[in-house]
Amino acid sequence: MSIPASTRDLLPSEQRIVADMQQRRFCRYEFISIRGGELVLNPWPATVTAVRFASQDPATATNPAAEFQLKRQMIEFLEYVRTIDSGEIRCLEVRHGLPFSMEVEHCQSANGGERG
């Protein structure tokens, strides 16, 4: 798979998670399965939204265009996910609508080697 540069390069599951990150801005996703380099979002992963007080009203935040260039953090996140054959994101932390950090469990293959 090629490295995504803009939203037009995203798989449908990637489009869904990117849009959700942008909308929530500060949150974490827990237990997202990865199969064949693609996020499994059915069922939707547990999502914990961070509520920030004395900050900009989310209703006044600008909505991104339907198509836009991805920032470096998003590209690195998606590029990493696409390299995993089978695994699970234990926790993905989002700050300012962008992936900030994650913990990933890589599944072991039958011969004991790591997959993905």
C-alpha atoms as a PDB file:
ATOM      1  CA  MET A   1       0.000   0.000   0.000  1.00  0.00           C
ATOM      2  CA  SER A   2       1.196   3.492  -0.726  1.00  0.00           C
ATOM      3  CA  ILE A   3       1.766   6.098   1.951  1.00  0.00           C
ATOM      4  CA  PRO A   4      -1.333   8.307   2.304  1.00  0.00           C
ATOM      5  CA  ALA A   5      -0.752  12.018   1.739  1.00  0.00           C
ATOM      6  CA  SER A   6      -4.326  13.335   1.752  1.00  0.00           C
ATOM      7  CA  THR A   7      -7.795  12.136   2.680  1.00  0.00           C
ATOM      8  CA  ARG A   8      -8.376  10.957  -0.903  1.00  0.00           C
ATOM      9  CA  ASP A   9      -5.679   8.293  -0.322  1.00  0.00           C
ATOM     10  CA  LEU A  10      -7.450   6.745   2.675  1.00  0.00           C
ATOM     11  CA  LEU A  11      -9.264   3.443   3.004  1.00  0.00           C
ATOM     12  CA  PRO A  12     -12.913   3.735   4.167  1.00  0.00           C
ATOM     13  CA  SER A  13     -12.000   2.646   7.723  1.00  0.00           C
ATOM     14  CA  GLU A  14      -9.201   5.236   7.811  1.00  0.00           C
ATOM     15  CA  GLN A  15     -11.595   7.949   6.619  1.00  0.00           C
ATOM     16  CA  ARG A  16     -13.982   7.072   9.480  1.00  0.00           C
ATOM     17  CA  ILE A  17     -11.338   7.194  12.216  1.00  0.00           C
ATOM     18  CA  VAL A  18      -9.734  10.395  10.867  1.00  0.00           C
ATOM     19  CA  ALA A  19     -13.126  12.140  10.803  1.00  0.00           C
ATOM     20  CA  ASP A  20     -13.895  10.963  14.337  1.00  0.00           C
ATOM     21  CA  MET A  21     -10.497  12.149  15.633  1.00  0.00           C
ATOM     22  CA  GLN A  22     -11.080  15.569  14.080  1.00  0.00           C
ATOM     23  CA  GLN A  23     -14.525  15.817  15.647  1.00  0.00           C
ATOM     24  CA  ARG A  24     -13.558  14.646  19.156  1.00  0.00           C
ATOM     25  CA  ARG A  25     -10.161  16.457  19.227  1.00  0.00           C
ATOM     26  CA  PHE A  26      -9.085  15.035  22.644  1.00  0.00           C
ATOM     27  CA  CYS A  27      -9.838  11.372  23.289  1.00  0.00           C
ATOM     28  CA  ARG A  28      -8.477   7.878  23.363  1.00  0.00           C
ATOM     29  CA  TYR A  29      -9.577   4.773  21.513  1.00  0.00           C
ATOM     30  CA  GLU A  30      -9.165   1.395  23.133  1.00  0.00           C
ATOM     31  CA  PHE A  31      -8.873  -2.082  21.624  1.00  0.00           C
ATOM     32  CA  ILE A  32      -8.907  -1.452  17.869  1.00  0.00           C
ATOM     33  CA  SER A  33      -8.225  -4.645  15.927  1.00  0.00           C
ATOM     34  CA  ILE A  34      -5.991  -4.578  12.868  1.00  0.00           C
ATOM     35  CA  ARG A  35      -6.323  -7.196  10.136  1.00  0.00           C
ATOM     36  CA  GLY A  36      -4.297  -7.149   6.946  1.00  0.00           C
ATOM     37  CA  GLY A  37      -3.058  -3.625   7.615  1.00  0.00           C
ATOM     38  CA  GLU A  38      -6.553  -2.193   8.031  1.00  0.00           C
ATOM     39  CA  LEU A  39      -8.377  -0.947  11.117  1.00  0.00           C
ATOM     40  CA  VAL A  40     -11.414  -3.043  12.100  1.00  0.00           C
ATOM     41  CA  LEU A  41     -14.064  -0.558  13.223  1.00  0.00           C
ATOM     42  CA  ASN A  42     -17.077  -2.841  13.455  1.00  0.00           C
ATOM     43  CA  PRO A  43     -17.913  -2.835  16.267  1.00  0.00           C
ATOM     44  CA  TRP A  44     -16.696   0.689  16.951  1.00  0.00           C
ATOM     45  CA  PRO A  45     -13.850   0.693  19.494  1.00  0.00           C
ATOM     46  CA  ALA A  46     -14.326   1.892  23.050  1.00  0.00           C
ATOM     47  CA  THR A  47     -13.832   5.656  22.945  1.00  0.00           C
ATOM     48  CA  VAL A  48     -13.114   7.851  25.943  1.00  0.00           C
ATOM     49  CA  THR A  49     -13.537  11.553  25.254  1.00  0.00           C
ATOM     50  CA  ALA A  50     -11.517  14.059  27.229  1.00  0.00           C
ATOM     51  CA  VAL A  51     -13.526  17.076  28.322  1.00  0.00           C
ATOM     52  CA  ARG A  52     -11.461  20.248  28.511  1.00  0.00           C
ATOM     53  CA  PHE A  53     -12.704  23.140  30.596  1.00  0.00           C
ATOM     54  CA  ALA A  54     -12.016  26.813  29.912  1.00  0.00           C
ATOM     55  CA  SER A  55     -10.965  26.058  26.360  1.00  0.00           C
ATOM     56  CA  GLN A  56     -12.397  26.832  22.955  1.00  0.00           C
ATOM     57  CA  ASP A  57     -16.035  25.846  22.528  1.00  0.00           C
ATOM     58  CA  PRO A  58     -16.079  22.748  20.274  1.00  0.00           C
ATOM     59  CA  ALA A  59     -19.068  24.197  18.422  1.00  0.00           C
ATOM     60  CA  THR A  60     -16.959  27.151  17.272  1.00  0.00           C
ATOM     61  CA  ALA A  61     -14.060  24.990  16.052  1.00  0.00           C
ATOM     62  CA  THR A  62     -13.588  25.027  12.310  1.00  0.00           C
ATOM     63  CA  ASN A  63     -14.634  21.957  10.388  1.00  0.00           C
ATOM     64  CA  PRO A  64     -11.979  20.567   8.061  1.00  0.00           C
ATOM     65  CA  ALA A  65     -12.698  20.409   4.353  1.00  0.00           C
ATOM     66  CA  ALA A  66     -13.936  17.106   2.943  1.00  0.00           C
ATOM     67  CA  GLU A  67     -10.511  16.632   1.401  1.00  0.00           C
ATOM     68  CA  PHE A  68      -7.268  17.858   2.944  1.00  0.00           C
ATOM     69  CA  GLN A  69      -3.568  17.076   3.214  1.00  0.00           C
ATOM     70  CA  LEU A  70      -2.730  14.846   6.153  1.00  0.00           C
ATOM     71  CA  LYS A  71      -0.374  16.067   8.856  1.00  0.00           C
ATOM     72  CA  ARG A  72       2.798  14.157   9.666  1.00  0.00           C
ATOM     73  CA  GLN A  73       1.359  12.537  12.818  1.00  0.00           C
ATOM     74  CA  MET A  74      -1.611  11.124  10.880  1.00  0.00           C
ATOM     75  CA  ILE A  75       0.589   9.856   8.053  1.00  0.00           C
ATOM     76  CA  GLU A  76       2.919   8.101  10.513  1.00  0.00           C
ATOM     77  CA  PHE A  77      -0.024   6.540  12.362  1.00  0.00           C
ATOM     78  CA  LEU A  78      -1.667   5.197   9.189  1.00  0.00           C
ATOM     79  CA  GLU A  79       1.645   4.089   7.716  1.00  0.00           C
ATOM     80  CA  TYR A  80       2.376   2.087  10.887  1.00  0.00           C
ATOM     81  CA  VAL A  81      -1.085   0.478  10.951  1.00  0.00           C
ATOM     82  CA  ARG A  82      -0.751  -0.560   7.311  1.00  0.00           C
ATOM     83  CA  THR A  83       2.378  -2.589   8.167  1.00  0.00           C
ATOM     84  CA  ILE A  84       0.595  -4.769  10.742  1.00  0.00           C
ATOM     85  CA  ASP A  85      -0.834  -8.048   9.485  1.00  0.00           C
ATOM     86  CA  SER A  86      -2.619  -8.933  12.699  1.00  0.00           C
ATOM     87  CA  GLY A  87      -2.684  -7.054  15.970  1.00  0.00           C
ATOM     88  CA  GLU A  88      -4.544  -4.727  18.236  1.00  0.00           C
ATOM     89  CA  ILE A  89      -4.129  -1.121  19.238  1.00  0.00           C
ATOM     90  CA  ARG A  90      -4.558  -1.293  22.999  1.00  0.00           C
ATOM     91  CA  CYS A  91      -4.767   2.481  23.372  1.00  0.00           C
ATOM     92  CA  LEU A  92      -4.562   5.314  20.833  1.00  0.00           C
ATOM     93  CA  GLU A  93      -4.332   8.781  22.374  1.00  0.00           C
ATOM     94  CA  VAL A  94      -5.545  11.743  20.315  1.00  0.00           C
ATOM     95  CA  ARG A  95      -4.638  15.369  21.024  1.00  0.00           C
ATOM     96  CA  HIS A  96      -5.839  18.321  18.948  1.00  0.00           C
ATOM     97  CA  GLY A  97      -7.503  15.867  16.535  1.00  0.00           C
ATOM     98  CA  LEU A  98      -4.224  14.067  15.744  1.00  0.00           C
ATOM     99  CA  PRO A  99      -2.798  10.754  16.923  1.00  0.00           C
ATOM    100  CA  PHE A 100      -0.337  11.440  19.740  1.00  0.00           C
ATOM    101  CA  SER A 101       0.716   7.995  20.988  1.00  0.00           C
ATOM    102  CA  MET A 102      -0.415   4.390  20.963  1.00  0.00           C
ATOM    103  CA  GLU A 103       0.236   0.997  22.478  1.00  0.00           C
ATOM    104  CA  VAL A 104       0.102  -1.906  20.021  1.00  0.00           C
ATOM    105  CA  GLU A 105      -0.054  -5.647  20.603  1.00  0.00           C
ATOM    106  CA  HIS A 106       1.368  -7.676  17.712  1.00  0.00           C
ATOM    107  CA  CYS A 107      -0.138 -11.157  17.316  1.00  0.00           C
ATOM    108  CA  GLN A 108       2.235 -14.102  17.163  1.00  0.00           C
ATOM    109  CA  SER A 109       2.144 -16.465  14.183  1.00  0.00           C
ATOM    110  CA  ALA A 110       1.787 -20.242  14.622  1.00  0.00           C
ATOM    111  CA  ASN A 111       5.578 -20.750  14.368  1.00  0.00           C
ATOM    112  CA  GLY A 112       6.200 -18.296  17.223  1.00  0.00           C
ATOM    113  CA  GLY A 113       7.401 -15.453  15.024  1.00  0.00           C
ATOM    114  CA  GLU A 114       5.841 -12.042  15.167  1.00  0.00           C
ATOM    115  CA  ARG A 115       3.376 -11.105  12.451  1.00  0.00           C
ATOM    116  CA  GLY A 116       2.988  -7.544  11.312  1.00  0.00           C
END
